[in-house]
Amino acid sequence: MPAVLRVIADWNPVSAVTAAARHLWGNPNPSATIPAWPMQHPVAASLLWSVALLVIFAPLATLLYRRRTTGRARAPWSAVTAPAVRHATRYWCGDRRAAKP
């Protein structure tokens, strides 16, 4: 296999998950002889790939969904933090009527 394709295959998230499943179920892992880090530590690599993909694509999907449904782009976390920040600001700045969320 060409060197470029070997690097892509070694660092592929599907390869890491497959090697992790083999490792966790006790099956012999033929990719354990490959010197690449994901093949030597398949469970850690698959967890890191999962977290990395979620960190990248969950906010992106939320942003694109909001842009298409509301017609404007907002930060994906603003819907969660805005009510709490608004409540805390009103409460601590003297508007005690807003003490109940």
Protein backbone atom coordinates (compact mmCIF):
# COMPACT_ATOMS: atom_id res chain seq x y z
CA MET A 1 0.00 0.00 0.00
CA PRO A 2 1.36 3.48 -0.79
CA ALA A 3 2.63 5.45 2.21
CA VAL A 4 -0.07 8.12 1.96
CA LEU A 5 -2.87 5.58 1.98
CA ARG A 6 -1.23 3.69 4.86
CA VAL A 7 -1.23 6.87 7.01
CA ILE A 8 -4.88 7.55 6.16
CA ALA A 9 -5.84 3.95 6.97
CA ASP A 10 -3.92 3.99 10.26
CA TRP A 11 -5.47 7.26 11.46
CA ASN A 12 -8.98 6.54 10.18
CA PRO A 13 -11.63 6.66 12.95
CA VAL A 14 -13.31 3.52 11.59
CA SER A 15 -10.04 1.61 11.88
CA ALA A 16 -9.65 2.82 15.47
CA VAL A 17 -13.19 1.76 16.42
CA THR A 18 -12.76 -1.63 14.75
CA ALA A 19 -9.46 -2.22 16.53
CA ALA A 20 -11.02 -1.09 19.83
CA ALA A 21 -13.93 -3.50 19.43
CA ARG A 22 -11.53 -6.36 18.73
CA HIS A 23 -9.42 -5.37 21.72
CA LEU A 24 -12.39 -5.07 24.11
CA TRP A 25 -13.94 -8.38 23.01
CA GLY A 26 -10.63 -10.19 23.35
CA ASN A 27 -10.22 -11.04 19.68
CA PRO A 28 -6.73 -11.02 18.23
CA ASN A 29 -6.03 -7.65 16.74
CA PRO A 30 -3.89 -7.89 13.59
CA SER A 31 -3.47 -4.11 13.50
CA ALA A 32 -1.69 -4.12 16.88
CA THR A 33 1.58 -4.67 15.05
CA ILE A 34 1.21 -1.37 13.18
CA PRO A 35 3.39 1.30 14.86
CA ALA A 36 0.81 4.11 14.49
CA TRP A 37 -0.53 5.47 17.81
CA PRO A 38 -4.23 4.77 17.07
CA MET A 39 -3.45 1.13 16.35
CA GLN A 40 -1.40 0.75 19.52
CA HIS A 41 -4.07 2.43 21.71
CA PRO A 42 -7.35 1.72 19.91
CA VAL A 43 -9.75 2.40 22.80
CA ALA A 44 -8.26 5.80 23.59
CA ALA A 45 -8.08 6.68 19.91
CA SER A 46 -11.73 5.79 19.30
CA LEU A 47 -12.83 7.86 22.32
CA LEU A 48 -10.74 10.81 21.14
CA TRP A 49 -12.15 10.53 17.62
CA SER A 50 -15.70 10.45 19.01
CA VAL A 51 -15.16 13.53 21.16
CA ALA A 52 -13.39 15.40 18.37
CA LEU A 53 -16.15 14.70 15.87
CA LEU A 54 -18.84 15.77 18.34
CA VAL A 55 -17.00 18.96 19.26
CA ILE A 56 -16.67 19.91 15.60
CA PHE A 57 -19.96 18.82 14.08
CA ALA A 58 -22.57 19.28 16.83
CA PRO A 59 -22.20 23.10 16.97
CA LEU A 60 -21.93 23.24 13.19
CA ALA A 61 -25.13 21.24 12.73
CA THR A 62 -26.93 23.38 15.30
CA LEU A 63 -25.78 26.58 13.62
CA LEU A 64 -26.86 25.40 10.18
CA TYR A 65 -30.22 24.16 11.51
CA ARG A 66 -30.93 27.51 13.18
CA ARG A 67 -29.86 29.41 10.09
CA ARG A 68 -32.30 27.45 7.93
CA THR A 69 -35.22 27.50 10.36
CA THR A 70 -34.99 31.07 11.70
CA GLY A 71 -33.30 32.84 8.83
CA ARG A 72 -30.43 34.09 10.96
CA ALA A 73 -27.27 32.63 12.37
CA ARG A 74 -26.72 32.59 16.11
CA ALA A 75 -24.15 30.95 18.24
CA PRO A 76 -25.31 27.40 19.02
CA TRP A 77 -24.83 27.87 22.75
CA SER A 78 -26.73 31.17 23.03
CA ALA A 79 -30.14 29.53 23.40
CA VAL A 80 -28.91 27.65 26.44
CA THR A 81 -26.96 30.41 28.14
CA ALA A 82 -29.07 33.44 27.23
CA PRO A 83 -32.01 32.77 29.62
CA ALA A 84 -29.69 32.00 32.52
CA VAL A 85 -27.55 35.06 31.87
CA ARG A 86 -30.62 37.25 31.45
CA HIS A 87 -32.06 35.95 34.74
CA ALA A 88 -28.80 36.40 36.65
CA THR A 89 -28.30 39.89 35.24
CA ARG A 90 -31.79 41.00 36.21
CA TYR A 91 -31.52 39.48 39.66
CA TRP A 92 -28.10 40.81 40.59
CA CYS A 93 -28.65 44.24 39.02
CA GLY A 94 -31.60 45.01 41.25
CA ASP A 95 -34.69 43.73 39.44
CA ARG A 96 -35.88 41.34 42.16
CA ARG A 97 -39.14 40.63 40.32
CA ALA A 98 -37.20 38.35 37.99
CA ALA A 99 -35.94 36.20 40.88
CA LYS A 100 -38.12 33.30 39.73
CA PRO A 101 -36.98 31.87 36.39
